[in-house]
C-alpha cells in the first residue's frame, strides 16, 4: 500500500523537496525532533494454531521422557499486521483480519 500519489503536481513536488531539505537541519538543531517521529508498516502474516504446541501445555518433571513435538504447519488464517514505531520502540501493533479495508477510519 502506497500513500504517495503516483502523479504529483509541480507545486506538490516543490513542497516535498523543500520539506525534505529542511528535515536534516531541523533534526540537527532540535535534539528532541526524532523523538516526535512515528512511522509504521504493514505485512501479511499467517496464523499458527496454538493447539499444535502440545509440549507447552503439558506439565512434566525433569526426569520424565522428552515429548515429541508436533510440527507446526502454516494455517489458512492470514491477517495483516500493522505496527507503528517510535524512537523508543513499538507504539501500537494491530492485526486486521482478511477482507478488512485498512484506511484512516480503521
Protein backbone atom coordinates (compact mmCIF):
# COMPACT_ATOMS: atom_id res chain seq x y z
CA UNK A 1 0.00 0.00 0.00
CA UNK A 2 1.45 3.35 -1.01
CA UNK A 3 0.27 6.64 0.42
CA UNK A 4 2.27 8.73 -2.06
CA UNK A 5 0.36 9.62 -5.22
CA UNK A 6 1.99 8.47 -8.43
CA UNK A 7 1.37 11.74 -10.23
CA UNK A 8 2.28 14.92 -8.37
CA UNK A 9 1.74 18.48 -9.47
CA UNK A 10 4.73 20.79 -9.80
CA UNK A 11 3.62 22.58 -6.62
CA UNK A 12 3.41 19.28 -4.68
CA UNK A 13 6.87 18.26 -5.90
CA UNK A 14 8.33 21.60 -4.82
CA UNK A 15 6.68 21.37 -1.40
CA UNK A 16 8.04 17.84 -0.83
CA UNK A 17 11.50 18.95 -1.92
CA UNK A 18 11.56 21.92 0.46
CA UNK A 19 10.34 19.80 3.38
CA UNK A 20 12.89 17.04 2.71
CA UNK A 21 15.71 19.61 2.54
CA UNK A 22 14.55 21.14 5.83
CA UNK A 23 14.42 17.85 7.80
CA UNK A 24 18.20 17.31 8.31
CA UNK A 25 18.66 20.88 9.57
CA UNK A 26 15.71 20.54 11.94
CA UNK A 27 17.00 17.23 13.30
CA UNK A 28 20.45 18.76 13.88
CA UNK A 29 19.10 21.87 15.64
CA UNK A 30 16.42 20.17 17.77
CA UNK A 31 17.64 17.18 19.79
CA UNK A 32 14.07 16.04 20.53
CA UNK A 33 12.95 16.16 16.89
CA UNK A 34 13.46 12.45 16.15
CA UNK A 35 11.67 11.59 19.38
CA UNK A 36 8.49 13.00 17.87
CA UNK A 37 8.61 10.89 14.70
CA UNK A 38 6.32 7.87 14.44
CA UNK A 39 6.44 5.59 11.43
CA UNK A 40 4.57 2.45 10.56
CA UNK A 41 4.47 -0.56 8.36
CA UNK A 42 2.26 -3.46 7.49
CA UNK A 43 2.69 -7.00 6.27
CA UNK A 44 0.60 -10.11 5.77
CA UNK A 45 1.27 -12.85 8.34
CA UNK A 46 -0.06 -16.38 8.72
CA UNK A 47 -1.53 -17.53 12.00
CA UNK A 48 -0.44 -20.68 13.76
CA UNK A 49 -2.75 -22.87 15.77
CA UNK A 50 -1.53 -22.88 19.39
CA UNK A 51 -3.14 -26.29 19.94
CA UNK A 52 -0.33 -27.92 17.95
CA UNK A 53 2.14 -26.88 20.62
CA UNK A 54 1.31 -29.83 22.84
CA UNK A 55 4.58 -29.63 24.73
CA UNK A 56 3.83 -26.17 26.11
CA UNK A 57 0.55 -27.31 27.67
CA UNK A 58 1.96 -30.37 29.47
CA UNK A 59 3.35 -30.33 32.99
CA UNK A 60 6.42 -32.55 33.25
CA UNK A 61 9.08 -33.37 35.75
CA UNK A 62 12.76 -33.11 34.79
CA UNK A 63 13.12 -36.91 34.87
CA UNK A 64 10.20 -37.68 32.53
CA UNK A 65 10.97 -38.64 28.92
CA UNK A 66 11.15 -35.92 26.31
CA UNK A 67 7.87 -35.39 24.46
CA UNK A 68 7.65 -35.48 20.69
CA UNK A 69 6.77 -32.05 19.34
CA UNK A 70 4.25 -31.88 16.55
CA UNK A 71 5.49 -29.97 13.55
CA UNK A 72 3.58 -26.76 13.08
CA UNK A 73 2.19 -26.09 9.67
CA UNK A 74 1.06 -22.79 8.28
CA UNK A 75 -2.67 -22.36 8.70
CA UNK A 76 -5.12 -20.75 6.34
CA UNK A 77 -5.53 -17.87 8.80
CA UNK A 78 -3.97 -14.81 7.21
CA UNK A 79 -4.08 -11.36 8.81
CA UNK A 80 -2.48 -8.02 8.10
CA UNK A 81 -0.17 -6.97 10.92
CA UNK A 82 0.17 -3.20 11.30
CA UNK A 83 2.90 -1.84 13.57
CA UNK A 84 3.73 1.75 14.48
CA UNK A 85 7.24 2.52 15.75
CA UNK A 86 8.70 5.32 17.81
CA UNK A 87 12.33 6.04 18.65
CA UNK A 88 11.91 4.02 21.87
CA UNK A 89 10.15 1.02 20.34
CA UNK A 90 6.69 -0.15 19.31
CA UNK A 91 3.87 2.33 19.90
CA UNK A 92 1.00 0.15 18.73
CA UNK A 93 0.51 -3.16 16.95
CA UNK A 94 -2.78 -4.25 15.41
CA UNK A 95 -3.91 -7.18 13.34
CA UNK A 96 -6.61 -6.67 10.73
CA UNK A 97 -8.47 -9.77 9.57
CA UNK A 98 -8.72 -10.70 5.93
CA UNK A 99 -11.22 -8.70 3.86
CA UNK A 100 -10.93 -5.69 6.17
CA UNK A 101 -10.24 -2.37 4.49
CA UNK A 102 -7.35 -0.65 6.27
CA UNK A 103 -7.79 3.10 5.99
CA UNK A 104 -7.69 6.15 8.26
CA UNK A 105 -11.05 5.23 9.81
CA UNK A 106 -9.81 1.76 10.78
